[in-house]
Amino acid sequence: MSDLADLVDTSERVAADASRKAKIAHIAQFLRAVAADEVEIAVAYLSGFMRQGKTGIGYAMIRDARPAAHATTAALQVSEVDATIGTIATTSGAGSATRCCPRASRRGASAAHPHSRYFNPSTT
């Protein structure tokens, strides 16, 4: 399993580096360490996409799901985040936001600050 923190660090290194070769090297180094079953997820996230397409996750849901305090260490795995987003994307009907937010909040509480902003850039 791959740590979300490693993916976020890679994304930040790619964004900070002007050299195309260096960007490719950062991504290649990260992807070599990613578990085979997580490569598709990691590539999607590094490309700025979610595999689930339209998820129904908006700024209000992210704001409401934010924990009062962040974890002191990063504990999220790429596959866990993807599974949570998949659950949220497929939950519908009356009260769906209420059912999703507690799950998202538990995941958010596992994200160590500055990595929690990866999925919520408006709250840096």
PDB file of N, CA and C in Angstrom:
ATOM      1  N   MET A   1       0.839  -1.172   0.000  1.00  0.00           N
ATOM      2  CA  MET A   1       0.000   0.000   0.000  1.00  0.00           C
ATOM      3  C   MET A   1       0.889   1.242   0.000  1.00  0.00           C
ATOM      4  N   SER A   2       0.437   2.244  -0.689  1.00  0.00           N
ATOM      5  CA  SER A   2       1.211   3.475  -0.840  1.00  0.00           C
ATOM      6  C   SER A   2       0.638   4.592   0.018  1.00  0.00           C
ATOM      7  N   ASP A   3       1.511   5.321   0.663  1.00  0.00           N
ATOM      8  CA  ASP A   3       1.087   6.441   1.491  1.00  0.00           C
ATOM      9  C   ASP A   3       0.647   7.621   0.633  1.00  0.00           C
ATOM     10  N   LEU A   4      -0.477   8.217   1.000  1.00  0.00           N
ATOM     11  CA  LEU A   4      -0.933   9.419   0.324  1.00  0.00           C
ATOM     12  C   LEU A   4       0.103  10.529   0.489  1.00  0.00           C
ATOM     13  N   ALA A   5       0.784  10.562   1.621  1.00  0.00           N
ATOM     14  CA  ALA A   5       1.798  11.588   1.870  1.00  0.00           C
ATOM     15  C   ALA A   5       2.896  11.543   0.804  1.00  0.00           C
ATOM     16  N   ASP A   6       3.282  10.353   0.372  1.00  0.00           N
ATOM     17  CA  ASP A   6       4.302  10.228  -0.669  1.00  0.00           C
ATOM     18  C   ASP A   6       3.790  10.767  -2.003  1.00  0.00           C
ATOM     19  N   LEU A   7       2.525  10.506  -2.300  1.00  0.00           N
ATOM     20  CA  LEU A   7       1.925  11.021  -3.528  1.00  0.00           C
ATOM     21  C   LEU A   7       1.868  12.549  -3.480  1.00  0.00           C
ATOM     22  N   VAL A   8       1.463  13.101  -2.360  1.00  0.00           N
ATOM     23  CA  VAL A   8       1.370  14.552  -2.216  1.00  0.00           C
ATOM     24  C   VAL A   8       2.756  15.183  -2.317  1.00  0.00           C
ATOM     25  N   ASP A   9       3.740  14.587  -1.678  1.00  0.00           N
ATOM     26  CA  ASP A   9       5.104  15.105  -1.766  1.00  0.00           C
ATOM     27  C   ASP A   9       5.592  15.095  -3.213  1.00  0.00           C
ATOM     28  N   THR A  10       5.299  14.020  -3.934  1.00  0.00           N
ATOM     29  CA  THR A  10       5.680  13.938  -5.346  1.00  0.00           C
ATOM     30  C   THR A  10       4.998  15.024  -6.148  1.00  0.00           C
ATOM     31  N   SER A  11       3.709  15.213  -5.929  1.00  0.00           N
ATOM     32  CA  SER A  11       2.963  16.245  -6.634  1.00  0.00           C
ATOM     33  C   SER A  11       3.564  17.626  -6.376  1.00  0.00           C
ATOM     34  N   GLU A  12       3.938  17.892  -5.136  1.00  0.00           N
ATOM     35  CA  GLU A  12       4.516  19.184  -4.783  1.00  0.00           C
ATOM     36  C   GLU A  12       5.894  19.372  -5.409  1.00  0.00           C
ATOM     37  N   ARG A  13       6.693  18.288  -5.457  1.00  0.00           N
ATOM     38  CA  ARG A  13       8.007  18.383  -6.103  1.00  0.00           C
ATOM     39  C   ARG A  13       7.854  18.638  -7.602  1.00  0.00           C
ATOM     40  N   VAL A  14       6.900  17.977  -8.227  1.00  0.00           N
ATOM     41  CA  VAL A  14       6.645  18.185  -9.659  1.00  0.00           C
ATOM     42  C   VAL A  14       6.220  19.629  -9.904  1.00  0.00           C
ATOM     43  N   ALA A  15       5.336  20.146  -9.082  1.00  0.00           N
ATOM     44  CA  ALA A  15       4.856  21.519  -9.248  1.00  0.00           C
ATOM     45  C   ALA A  15       5.963  22.550  -9.034  1.00  0.00           C
ATOM     46  N   ALA A  16       6.892  22.248  -8.150  1.00  0.00           N
ATOM     47  CA  ALA A  16       7.947  23.202  -7.815  1.00  0.00           C
ATOM     48  C   ALA A  16       9.110  23.185  -8.802  1.00  0.00           C
ATOM     49  N   ASP A  17       9.238  22.134  -9.593  1.00  0.00           N
ATOM     50  CA  ASP A  17      10.379  21.990 -10.495  1.00  0.00           C
ATOM     51  C   ASP A  17      10.017  22.466 -11.893  1.00  0.00           C
ATOM     52  N   ALA A  18      10.836  23.299 -12.475  1.00  0.00           N
ATOM     53  CA  ALA A  18      10.569  23.824 -13.817  1.00  0.00           C
ATOM     54  C   ALA A  18      11.028  22.871 -14.918  1.00  0.00           C
ATOM     55  N   SER A  19      11.963  22.003 -14.625  1.00  0.00           N
ATOM     56  CA  SER A  19      12.529  21.108 -15.623  1.00  0.00           C
ATOM     57  C   SER A  19      11.589  19.941 -15.932  1.00  0.00           C
ATOM     58  N   ARG A  20      11.297  19.778 -17.216  1.00  0.00           N
ATOM     59  CA  ARG A  20      10.425  18.670 -17.630  1.00  0.00           C
ATOM     60  C   ARG A  20      11.063  17.318 -17.282  1.00  0.00           C
ATOM     61  N   LYS A  21      12.367  17.199 -17.501  1.00  0.00           N
ATOM     62  CA  LYS A  21      13.063  15.950 -17.173  1.00  0.00           C
ATOM     63  C   LYS A  21      12.984  15.662 -15.677  1.00  0.00           C
ATOM     64  N   ALA A  22      13.135  16.679 -14.874  1.00  0.00           N
ATOM     65  CA  ALA A  22      13.059  16.497 -13.425  1.00  0.00           C
ATOM     66  C   ALA A  22      11.648  16.088 -13.007  1.00  0.00           C
ATOM     67  N   LYS A  23      10.638  16.688 -13.618  1.00  0.00           N
ATOM     68  CA  LYS A  23       9.249  16.318 -13.324  1.00  0.00           C
ATOM     69  C   LYS A  23       9.028  14.837 -13.626  1.00  0.00           C
ATOM     70  N   ILE A  24       9.498  14.411 -14.786  1.00  0.00           N
ATOM     71  CA  ILE A  24       9.355  13.004 -15.183  1.00  0.00           C
ATOM     72  C   ILE A  24      10.093  12.103 -14.199  1.00  0.00           C
ATOM     73  N   ALA A  25      11.283  12.522 -13.785  1.00  0.00           N
ATOM     74  CA  ALA A  25      12.057  11.732 -12.820  1.00  0.00           C
ATOM     75  C   ALA A  25      11.331  11.604 -11.482  1.00  0.00           C
ATOM     76  N   HIS A  26      10.730  12.690 -10.998  1.00  0.00           N
ATOM     77  CA  HIS A  26       9.982  12.640  -9.736  1.00  0.00           C
ATOM     78  C   HIS A  26       8.826  11.641  -9.835  1.00  0.00           C
ATOM     79  N   ILE A  27       8.071  11.750 -10.920  1.00  0.00           N
ATOM     80  CA  ILE A  27       6.915  10.862 -11.107  1.00  0.00           C
ATOM     81  C   ILE A  27       7.363   9.412 -11.254  1.00  0.00           C
ATOM     82  N   ALA A  28       8.400   9.179 -12.053  1.00  0.00           N
ATOM     83  CA  ALA A  28       8.891   7.811 -12.263  1.00  0.00           C
ATOM     84  C   ALA A  28       9.387   7.193 -10.961  1.00  0.00           C
ATOM     85  N   GLN A  29      10.109   7.973 -10.170  1.00  0.00           N
ATOM     86  CA  GLN A  29      10.608   7.468  -8.889  1.00  0.00           C
ATOM     87  C   GLN A  29       9.444   7.062  -7.980  1.00  0.00           C
ATOM     88  N   PHE A  30       8.418   7.893  -7.916  1.00  0.00           N
ATOM     89  CA  PHE A  30       7.259   7.574  -7.082  1.00  0.00           C
ATOM     90  C   PHE A  30       6.539   6.328  -7.594  1.00  0.00           C
ATOM     91  N   LEU A  31       6.281   6.273  -8.896  1.00  0.00           N
ATOM     92  CA  LEU A  31       5.508   5.167  -9.459  1.00  0.00           C
ATOM     93  C   LEU A  31       6.233   3.827  -9.336  1.00  0.00           C
ATOM     94  N   ARG A  32       7.563   3.838  -9.346  1.00  0.00           N
ATOM     95  CA  ARG A  32       8.309   2.583  -9.148  1.00  0.00           C
ATOM     96  C   ARG A  32       8.036   1.995  -7.760  1.00  0.00           C
ATOM     97  N   ALA A  33       7.759   2.843  -6.797  1.00  0.00           N
ATOM     98  CA  ALA A  33       7.529   2.390  -5.417  1.00  0.00           C
ATOM     99  C   ALA A  33       6.067   2.067  -5.126  1.00  0.00           C
ATOM    100  N   VAL A  34       5.168   2.419  -6.041  1.00  0.00           N
ATOM    101  CA  VAL A  34       3.734   2.218  -5.827  1.00  0.00           C
ATOM    102  C   VAL A  34       3.373   0.749  -6.084  1.00  0.00           C
ATOM    103  N   ALA A  35       2.499   0.217  -5.240  1.00  0.00           N
ATOM    104  CA  ALA A  35       2.006  -1.145  -5.438  1.00  0.00           C
ATOM    105  C   ALA A  35       1.299  -1.238  -6.795  1.00  0.00           C
ATOM    106  N   ALA A  36       1.439  -2.368  -7.454  1.00  0.00           N
ATOM    107  CA  ALA A  36       0.896  -2.540  -8.806  1.00  0.00           C
ATOM    108  C   ALA A  36      -0.597  -2.229  -8.881  1.00  0.00           C
ATOM    109  N   ASP A  37      -1.351  -2.605  -7.856  1.00  0.00           N
ATOM    110  CA  ASP A  37      -2.796  -2.379  -7.886  1.00  0.00           C
ATOM    111  C   ASP A  37      -3.175  -0.925  -7.590  1.00  0.00           C
ATOM    112  N   GLU A  38      -2.194  -0.081  -7.258  1.00  0.00           N
ATOM    113  CA  GLU A  38      -2.466   1.327  -6.984  1.00  0.00           C
ATOM    114  C   GLU A  38      -1.926   2.267  -8.064  1.00  0.00           C
ATOM    115  N   VAL A  39      -1.265   1.734  -9.074  1.00  0.00           N
ATOM    116  CA  VAL A  39      -0.666   2.578 -10.117  1.00  0.00           C
ATOM    117  C   VAL A  39      -1.725   3.406 -10.832  1.00  0.00           C
ATOM    118  N   GLU A  40      -2.834   2.791 -11.212  1.00  0.00           N
ATOM    119  CA  GLU A  40      -3.897   3.516 -11.915  1.00  0.00           C
ATOM    120  C   GLU A  40      -4.426   4.677 -11.066  1.00  0.00           C
ATOM    121  N   ILE A  41      -4.622   4.427  -9.795  1.00  0.00           N
ATOM    122  CA  ILE A  41      -5.113   5.470  -8.887  1.00  0.00           C
ATOM    123  C   ILE A  41      -4.084   6.594  -8.784  1.00  0.00           C
ATOM    124  N   ALA A  42      -2.830   6.238  -8.561  1.00  0.00           N
ATOM    125  CA  ALA A  42      -1.770   7.228  -8.387  1.00  0.00           C
ATOM    126  C   ALA A  42      -1.605   8.092  -9.639  1.00  0.00           C
ATOM    127  N   VAL A  43      -1.628   7.473 -10.802  1.00  0.00           N
ATOM    128  CA  VAL A  43      -1.487   8.226 -12.052  1.00  0.00           C
ATOM    129  C   VAL A  43      -2.660   9.196 -12.212  1.00  0.00           C
ATOM    130  N   ALA A  44      -3.860   8.738 -11.903  1.00  0.00           N
ATOM    131  CA  ALA A  44      -5.033   9.613 -12.003  1.00  0.00           C
ATOM    132  C   ALA A  44      -4.880  10.813 -11.073  1.00  0.00           C
ATOM    133  N   TYR A  45      -4.515  10.579  -9.817  1.00  0.00           N
ATOM    134  CA  TYR A  45      -4.384  11.670  -8.851  1.00  0.00           C
ATOM    135  C   TYR A  45      -3.270  12.631  -9.255  1.00  0.00           C
ATOM    136  N   LEU A  46      -2.137  12.100  -9.696  1.00  0.00           N
ATOM    137  CA  LEU A  46      -1.040  12.961 -10.130  1.00  0.00           C
ATOM    138  C   LEU A  46      -1.404  13.761 -11.379  1.00  0.00           C
ATOM    139  N   SER A  47      -2.366  13.255 -12.146  1.00  0.00           N
ATOM    140  CA  SER A  47      -2.838  13.956 -13.349  1.00  0.00           C
ATOM    141  C   SER A  47      -3.948  14.944 -13.038  1.00  0.00           C
ATOM    142  N   GLY A  48      -4.417  14.943 -11.790  1.00  0.00           N
ATOM    143  CA  GLY A  48      -5.461  15.884 -11.393  1.00  0.00           C
ATOM    144  C   GLY A  48      -6.872  15.358 -11.596  1.00  0.00           C
ATOM    145  N   PHE A  49      -7.021  14.051 -11.707  1.00  0.00           N
ATOM    146  CA  PHE A  49      -8.336  13.445 -11.927  1.00  0.00           C
ATOM    147  C   PHE A  49      -8.664  12.437 -10.841  1.00  0.00           C
ATOM    148  N   MET A  50      -9.953  12.213 -10.652  1.00  0.00           N
ATOM    149  CA  MET A  50     -10.413  11.125  -9.798  1.00  0.00           C
ATOM    150  C   MET A  50     -11.026  10.071 -10.702  1.00  0.00           C
ATOM    151  N   ARG A  51     -10.719   8.818 -10.438  1.00  0.00           N
ATOM    152  CA  ARG A  51     -11.203   7.730 -11.281  1.00  0.00           C
ATOM    153  C   ARG A  51     -12.720   7.637 -11.297  1.00  0.00           C
ATOM    154  N   GLN A  52     -13.371   8.120 -10.262  1.00  0.00           N
ATOM    155  CA  GLN A  52     -14.816   8.007 -10.141  1.00  0.00           C
ATOM    156  C   GLN A  52     -15.558   9.027 -10.991  1.00  0.00           C
ATOM    157  N   GLY A  53     -14.839   9.949 -11.600  1.00  0.00           N
ATOM    158  CA  GLY A  53     -15.492  10.994 -12.387  1.00  0.00           C
ATOM    159  C   GLY A  53     -16.209  11.968 -11.469  1.00  0.00           C
ATOM    160  N   LYS A  54     -17.435  12.270 -11.789  1.00  0.00           N
ATOM    161  CA  LYS A  54     -18.219  13.191 -10.971  1.00  0.00           C
ATOM    162  C   LYS A  54     -18.565  12.518  -9.645  1.00  0.00           C
ATOM    163  N   THR A  55     -18.149  13.149  -8.552  1.00  0.00           N
ATOM    164  CA  THR A  55     -18.309  12.519  -7.237  1.00  0.00           C
ATOM    165  C   THR A  55     -19.401  13.134  -6.385  1.00  0.00           C
ATOM    166  N   GLY A  56     -19.796  14.351  -6.695  1.00  0.00           N
ATOM    167  CA  GLY A  56     -20.756  15.038  -5.848  1.00  0.00           C
ATOM    168  C   GLY A  56     -20.103  15.683  -4.646  1.00  0.00           C
ATOM    169  N   ILE A  57     -18.779  15.618  -4.579  1.00  0.00           N
ATOM    170  CA  ILE A  57     -18.051  16.246  -3.479  1.00  0.00           C
ATOM    171  C   ILE A  57     -17.832  17.708  -3.839  1.00  0.00           C
ATOM    172  N   GLY A  58     -18.357  18.590  -3.018  1.00  0.00           N
ATOM    173  CA  GLY A  58     -18.201  20.018  -3.239  1.00  0.00           C
ATOM    174  C   GLY A  58     -17.526  20.671  -2.049  1.00  0.00           C
ATOM    175  N   TYR A  59     -17.308  21.970  -2.158  1.00  0.00           N
ATOM    176  CA  TYR A  59     -16.632  22.684  -1.084  1.00  0.00           C
ATOM    177  C   TYR A  59     -17.383  22.575   0.238  1.00  0.00           C
ATOM    178  N   ALA A  60     -18.713  22.595   0.212  1.00  0.00           N
ATOM    179  CA  ALA A  60     -19.480  22.513   1.458  1.00  0.00           C
ATOM    180  C   ALA A  60     -19.262  21.166   2.142  1.00  0.00           C
ATOM    181  N   MET A  61     -19.238  20.079   1.373  1.00  0.00           N
ATOM    182  CA  MET A  61     -19.014  18.757   1.973  1.00  0.00           C
ATOM    183  C   MET A  61     -17.608  18.677   2.558  1.00  0.00           C
ATOM    184  N   ILE A  62     -16.635  19.208   1.855  1.00  0.00           N
ATOM    185  CA  ILE A  62     -15.261  19.190   2.360  1.00  0.00           C
ATOM    186  C   ILE A  62     -15.160  20.019   3.630  1.00  0.00           C
ATOM    187  N   ARG A  63     -15.755  21.196   3.616  1.00  0.00           N
ATOM    188  CA  ARG A  63     -15.731  22.059   4.803  1.00  0.00           C
ATOM    189  C   ARG A  63     -16.388  21.352   5.986  1.00  0.00           C
ATOM    190  N   ASP A  64     -17.545  20.753   5.768  1.00  0.00           N
ATOM    191  CA  ASP A  64     -18.273  20.110   6.860  1.00  0.00           C
ATOM    192  C   ASP A  64     -17.587  18.848   7.364  1.00  0.00           C
ATOM    193  N   ALA A  65     -16.772  18.221   6.525  1.00  0.00           N
ATOM    194  CA  ALA A  65     -16.105  16.980   6.904  1.00  0.00           C
ATOM    195  C   ALA A  65     -14.763  17.211   7.581  1.00  0.00           C
ATOM    196  N   ARG A  66     -14.293  18.457   7.576  1.00  0.00           N
ATOM    197  CA  ARG A  66     -12.981  18.735   8.160  1.00  0.00           C
ATOM    198  C   ARG A  66     -12.981  18.450   9.654  1.00  0.00           C
ATOM    199  N   PRO A  67     -11.978  17.733  10.123  1.00  0.00           N
ATOM    200  CA  PRO A  67     -11.872  17.482  11.561  1.00  0.00           C
ATOM    201  C   PRO A  67     -11.407  18.732  12.292  1.00  0.00           C
ATOM    202  N   ALA A  68     -11.637  18.765  13.583  1.00  0.00           N
ATOM    203  CA  ALA A  68     -11.214  19.913  14.383  1.00  0.00           C
ATOM    204  C   ALA A  68      -9.688  19.996  14.455  1.00  0.00           C
ATOM    205  N   ALA A  69      -9.029  18.846  14.421  1.00  0.00           N
ATOM    206  CA  ALA A  69      -7.563  18.813  14.491  1.00  0.00           C
ATOM    207  C   ALA A  69      -7.042  17.776  13.511  1.00  0.00           C
ATOM    208  N   HIS A  70      -5.861  18.014  13.003  1.00  0.00           N
ATOM    209  CA  HIS A  70      -5.235  17.077  12.081  1.00  0.00           C
ATOM    210  C   HIS A  70      -4.425  16.049  12.848  1.00  0.00           C
ATOM    211  N   ALA A  71      -4.207  14.922  12.218  1.00  0.00           N
ATOM    212  CA  ALA A  71      -3.351  13.898  12.803  1.00  0.00           C
ATOM    213  C   ALA A  71      -1.927  14.426  12.868  1.00  0.00           C
ATOM    214  N   THR A  72      -1.137  13.883  13.754  1.00  0.00           N
ATOM    215  CA  THR A  72       0.252  14.326  13.873  1.00  0.00           C
ATOM    216  C   THR A  72       1.153  13.623  12.866  1.00  0.00           C
ATOM    217  N   THR A  73       0.724  12.474  12.381  1.00  0.00           N
ATOM    218  CA  THR A  73       1.474  11.760  11.349  1.00  0.00           C
ATOM    219  C   THR A  73       0.521  11.355  10.239  1.00  0.00           C
ATOM    220  N   ALA A  74       1.063  11.246   9.049  1.00  0.00           N
ATOM    221  CA  ALA A  74       0.249  10.844   7.902  1.00  0.00           C
ATOM    222  C   ALA A  74      -0.120   9.372   8.023  1.00  0.00           C
ATOM    223  N   ALA A  75      -1.388   9.062   7.829  1.00  0.00           N
ATOM    224  CA  ALA A  75      -1.823   7.678   7.988  1.00  0.00           C
ATOM    225  C   ALA A  75      -2.688   7.196   6.826  1.00  0.00           C
ATOM    226  N   LEU A  76      -2.918   8.026   5.832  1.00  0.00           N
ATOM    227  CA  LEU A  76      -3.790   7.647   4.730  1.00  0.00           C
ATOM    228  C   LEU A  76      -3.029   6.872   3.661  1.00  0.00           C
ATOM    229  N   GLN A  77      -3.702   5.877   3.121  1.00  0.00           N
ATOM    230  CA  GLN A  77      -3.165   5.114   2.008  1.00  0.00           C
ATOM    231  C   GLN A  77      -3.917   5.515   0.742  1.00  0.00           C
ATOM    232  N   VAL A  78      -3.242   5.503  -0.392  1.00  0.00           N
ATOM    233  CA  VAL A  78      -3.849   5.894  -1.667  1.00  0.00           C
ATOM    234  C   VAL A  78      -5.111   5.088  -1.938  1.00  0.00           C
ATOM    235  N   SER A  79      -5.058   3.782  -1.730  1.00  0.00           N
ATOM    236  CA  SER A  79      -6.221   2.938  -2.018  1.00  0.00           C
ATOM    237  C   SER A  79      -7.384   3.219  -1.070  1.00  0.00           C
ATOM    238  N   GLU A  80      -7.102   3.576   0.184  1.00  0.00           N
ATOM    239  CA  GLU A  80      -8.164   3.906   1.137  1.00  0.00           C
ATOM    240  C   GLU A  80      -8.881   5.191   0.740  1.00  0.00           C
ATOM    241  N   VAL A  81      -8.106   6.186   0.326  1.00  0.00           N
ATOM    242  CA  VAL A  81      -8.705   7.448  -0.114  1.00  0.00           C
ATOM    243  C   VAL A  81      -9.574   7.200  -1.334  1.00  0.00           C
ATOM    244  N   ASP A  82      -9.081   6.411  -2.275  1.00  0.00           N
ATOM    245  CA  ASP A  82      -9.833   6.115  -3.483  1.00  0.00           C
ATOM    246  C   ASP A  82     -11.133   5.372  -3.151  1.00  0.00           C
ATOM    247  N   ALA A  83     -11.066   4.421  -2.223  1.00  0.00           N
ATOM    248  CA  ALA A  83     -12.265   3.682  -1.818  1.00  0.00           C
ATOM    249  C   ALA A  83     -13.285   4.601  -1.152  1.00  0.00           C
ATOM    250  N   THR A  84     -12.816   5.524  -0.317  1.00  0.00           N
ATOM    251  CA  THR A  84     -13.719   6.473   0.337  1.00  0.00           C
ATOM    252  C   THR A  84     -14.387   7.376  -0.688  1.00  0.00           C
ATOM    253  N   ILE A  85     -13.612   7.869  -1.645  1.00  0.00           N
ATOM    254  CA  ILE A  85     -14.191   8.710  -2.697  1.00  0.00           C
ATOM    255  C   ILE A  85     -15.199   7.904  -3.508  1.00  0.00           C
ATOM    256  N   GLY A  86     -14.907   6.639  -3.774  1.00  0.00           N
ATOM    257  CA  GLY A  86     -15.846   5.783  -4.490  1.00  0.00           C
ATOM    258  C   GLY A  86     -17.153   5.597  -3.737  1.00  0.00           C
ATOM    259  N   THR A  87     -17.061   5.412  -2.435  1.00  0.00           N
ATOM    260  CA  THR A  87     -18.261   5.275  -1.612  1.00  0.00           C
ATOM    261  C   THR A  87     -19.088   6.549  -1.638  1.00  0.00           C
ATOM    262  N   ILE A  88     -18.424   7.671  -1.491  1.00  0.00           N
ATOM    263  CA  ILE A  88     -19.129   8.959  -1.509  1.00  0.00           C
ATOM    264  C   ILE A  88     -19.797   9.173  -2.865  1.00  0.00           C
ATOM    265  N   ALA A  89     -19.079   8.849  -3.941  1.00  0.00           N
ATOM    266  CA  ALA A  89     -19.600   9.069  -5.298  1.00  0.00           C
ATOM    267  C   ALA A  89     -20.829   8.220  -5.591  1.00  0.00           C
ATOM    268  N   THR A  90     -20.943   7.067  -4.953  1.00  0.00           N
ATOM    269  CA  THR A  90     -22.071   6.172  -5.237  1.00  0.00           C
ATOM    270  C   THR A  90     -23.186   6.272  -4.207  1.00  0.00           C
ATOM    271  N   THR A  91     -23.011   7.090  -3.192  1.00  0.00           N
ATOM    272  CA  THR A  91     -24.055   7.280  -2.185  1.00  0.00           C
ATOM    273  C   THR A  91     -24.993   8.378  -2.665  1.00  0.00           C
ATOM    274  N   SER A  92     -26.267   8.073  -2.691  1.00  0.00           N
ATOM    275  CA  SER A  92     -27.231   9.071  -3.164  1.00  0.00           C
ATOM    276  C   SER A  92     -28.513   8.983  -2.352  1.00  0.00           C
ATOM    277  N   GLY A  93     -29.384   9.914  -2.620  1.00  0.00           N
ATOM    278  CA  GLY A  93     -30.682   9.917  -1.957  1.00  0.00           C
ATOM    279  C   GLY A  93     -30.719  10.855  -0.768  1.00  0.00           C
ATOM    280  N   ALA A  94     -31.881  10.890  -0.133  1.00  0.00           N
ATOM    281  CA  ALA A  94     -32.082  11.770   1.012  1.00  0.00           C
ATOM    282  C   ALA A  94     -31.094  11.427   2.119  1.00  0.00           C
ATOM    283  N   GLY A  95     -30.419  12.432   2.628  1.00  0.00           N
ATOM    284  CA  GLY A  95     -29.478  12.234   3.726  1.00  0.00           C
ATOM    285  C   GLY A  95     -28.124  11.707   3.309  1.00  0.00           C
ATOM    286  N   SER A  96     -27.850  11.626   2.008  1.00  0.00           N
ATOM    287  CA  SER A  96     -26.582  11.048   1.566  1.00  0.00           C
ATOM    288  C   SER A  96     -25.383  11.861   2.031  1.00  0.00           C
ATOM    289  N   ALA A  97     -25.497  13.177   2.034  1.00  0.00           N
ATOM    290  CA  ALA A  97     -24.380  14.008   2.487  1.00  0.00           C
ATOM    291  C   ALA A  97     -24.079  13.743   3.953  1.00  0.00           C
ATOM    292  N   THR A  98     -25.101  13.551   4.756  1.00  0.00           N
ATOM    293  CA  THR A  98     -24.928  13.270   6.181  1.00  0.00           C
ATOM    294  C   THR A  98     -24.248  11.923   6.381  1.00  0.00           C
ATOM    295  N   ARG A  99     -24.626  10.939   5.563  1.00  0.00           N
ATOM    296  CA  ARG A  99     -24.016   9.618   5.676  1.00  0.00           C
ATOM    297  C   ARG A  99     -22.563   9.643   5.224  1.00  0.00           C
ATOM    298  N   CYS A 100     -22.245  10.465   4.242  1.00  0.00           N
ATOM    299  CA  CYS A 100     -20.880  10.513   3.709  1.00  0.00           C
ATOM    300  C   CYS A 100     -19.927  11.306   4.588  1.00  0.00           C
ATOM    301  N   CYS A 101     -20.372  12.405   5.127  1.00  0.00           N
ATOM    302  CA  CYS A 101     -19.462  13.299   5.851  1.00  0.00           C
ATOM    303  C   CYS A 101     -18.776  12.658   7.046  1.00  0.00           C
ATOM    304  N   PRO A 102     -19.446  11.862   7.869  1.00  0.00           N
ATOM    305  CA  PRO A 102     -18.706  11.248   8.980  1.00  0.00           C
ATOM    306  C   PRO A 102     -17.567  10.368   8.483  1.00  0.00           C
ATOM    307  N   ARG A 103     -17.780   9.620   7.398  1.00  0.00           N
ATOM    308  CA  ARG A 103     -16.721   8.776   6.847  1.00  0.00           C
ATOM    309  C   ARG A 103     -15.588   9.641   6.321  1.00  0.00           C
ATOM    310  N   ALA A 104     -15.922  10.700   5.595  1.00  0.00           N
ATOM    311  CA  ALA A 104     -14.905  11.599   5.058  1.00  0.00           C
ATOM    312  C   ALA A 104     -14.157  12.280   6.191  1.00  0.00           C
ATOM    313  N   SER A 105     -14.848  12.632   7.254  1.00  0.00           N
ATOM    314  CA  SER A 105     -14.213  13.292   8.384  1.00  0.00           C
ATOM    315  C   SER A 105     -13.203  12.371   9.063  1.00  0.00           C
ATOM    316  N   ARG A 106     -13.541  11.083   9.192  1.00  0.00           N
ATOM    317  CA  ARG A 106     -12.592  10.136   9.780  1.00  0.00           C
ATOM    318  C   ARG A 106     -11.346  10.043   8.915  1.00  0.00           C
ATOM    319  N   ARG A 107     -11.529  10.028   7.591  1.00  0.00           N
ATOM    320  CA  ARG A 107     -10.375   9.982   6.693  1.00  0.00           C
ATOM    321  C   ARG A 107      -9.588  11.284   6.795  1.00  0.00           C
ATOM    322  N   GLY A 108     -10.275  12.414   6.846  1.00  0.00           N
ATOM    323  CA  GLY A 108      -9.598  13.699   6.944  1.00  0.00           C
ATOM    324  C   GLY A 108      -8.789  13.812   8.224  1.00  0.00           C
ATOM    325  N   ALA A 109      -9.294  13.243   9.288  1.00  0.00           N
ATOM    326  CA  ALA A 109      -8.572  13.296  10.561  1.00  0.00           C
ATOM    327  C   ALA A 109      -7.280  12.497  10.491  1.00  0.00           C
ATOM    328  N   SER A 110      -7.202  11.558   9.559  1.00  0.00           N
ATOM    329  CA  SER A 110      -5.994  10.757   9.402  1.00  0.00           C
ATOM    330  C   SER A 110      -4.938  11.465   8.573  1.00  0.00           C
ATOM    331  N   ALA A 111      -5.310  12.555   7.933  1.00  0.00           N
ATOM    332  CA  ALA A 111      -4.362  13.266   7.072  1.00  0.00           C
ATOM    333  C   ALA A 111      -3.574  14.273   7.896  1.00  0.00           C
ATOM    334  N   ALA A 112      -2.279  14.138   7.844  1.00  0.00           N
ATOM    335  CA  ALA A 112      -1.444  15.103   8.557  1.00  0.00           C
ATOM    336  C   ALA A 112      -1.423  16.402   7.770  1.00  0.00           C
ATOM    337  N   HIS A 113      -1.496  17.483   8.472  1.00  0.00           N
ATOM    338  CA  HIS A 113      -1.473  18.789   7.823  1.00  0.00           C
ATOM    339  C   HIS A 113      -0.165  18.897   7.084  1.00  0.00           C
ATOM    340  N   PRO A 114       0.454  19.210   6.152  1.00  0.00           N
ATOM    341  CA  PRO A 114      -0.041  19.910   4.981  1.00  0.00           C
ATOM    342  C   PRO A 114      -0.648  18.988   3.934  1.00  0.00           C
ATOM    343  N   HIS A 115      -0.605  17.680   4.158  1.00  0.00           N
ATOM    344  CA  HIS A 115      -1.105  16.748   3.142  1.00  0.00           C
ATOM    345  C   HIS A 115      -2.624  16.761   3.008  1.00  0.00           C
ATOM    346  N   SER A 116      -3.316  17.173   4.021  1.00  0.00           N
ATOM    347  CA  SER A 116      -4.774  17.217   3.935  1.00  0.00           C
ATOM    348  C   SER A 116      -5.244  18.219   2.901  1.00  0.00           C
ATOM    349  N   ARG A 117      -4.425  19.197   2.584  1.00  0.00           N
ATOM    350  CA  ARG A 117      -4.836  20.209   1.601  1.00  0.00           C
ATOM    351  C   ARG A 117      -4.793  19.688   0.165  1.00  0.00           C
ATOM    352  N   TYR A 118      -4.206  18.540  -0.065  1.00  0.00           N
ATOM    353  CA  TYR A 118      -4.110  18.001  -1.421  1.00  0.00           C
ATOM    354  C   TYR A 118      -5.479  17.867  -2.070  1.00  0.00           C
ATOM    355  N   PHE A 119      -6.449  17.424  -1.294  1.00  0.00           N
ATOM    356  CA  PHE A 119      -7.805  17.280  -1.817  1.00  0.00           C
ATOM    357  C   PHE A 119      -8.670  18.485  -1.505  1.00  0.00           C
ATOM    358  N   ASN A 120      -8.121  19.471  -0.839  1.00  0.00           N
ATOM    359  CA  ASN A 120      -8.865  20.657  -0.486  1.00  0.00           C
ATOM    360  C   ASN A 120      -7.953  21.877  -0.532  1.00  0.00           C
ATOM    361  N   PRO A 121      -7.556  22.300  -1.738  1.00  0.00           N
ATOM    362  CA  PRO A 121      -6.594  23.387  -1.840  1.00  0.00           C
ATOM    363  C   PRO A 121      -7.103  24.728  -1.317  1.00  0.00           C
ATOM    364  N   SER A 122      -8.400  24.878  -1.109  1.00  0.00           N
ATOM    365  CA  SER A 122      -8.938  26.159  -0.641  1.00  0.00           C
ATOM    366  C   SER A 122      -8.700  26.371   0.842  1.00  0.00           C
ATOM    367  N   THR A 123      -8.218  25.360   1.549  1.00  0.00           N
ATOM    368  CA  THR A 123      -8.049  25.483   2.997  1.00  0.00           C
ATOM    369  C   THR A 123      -6.590  25.301   3.406  1.00  0.00           C
ATOM    370  N   THR A 124      -5.672  25.915   2.722  1.00  0.00           N
ATOM    371  CA  THR A 124      -4.252  25.765   3.045  1.00  0.00           C
ATOM    372  C   THR A 124      -3.887  26.482   4.315  1.00  0.00           C
TER     373      THR A 124
END
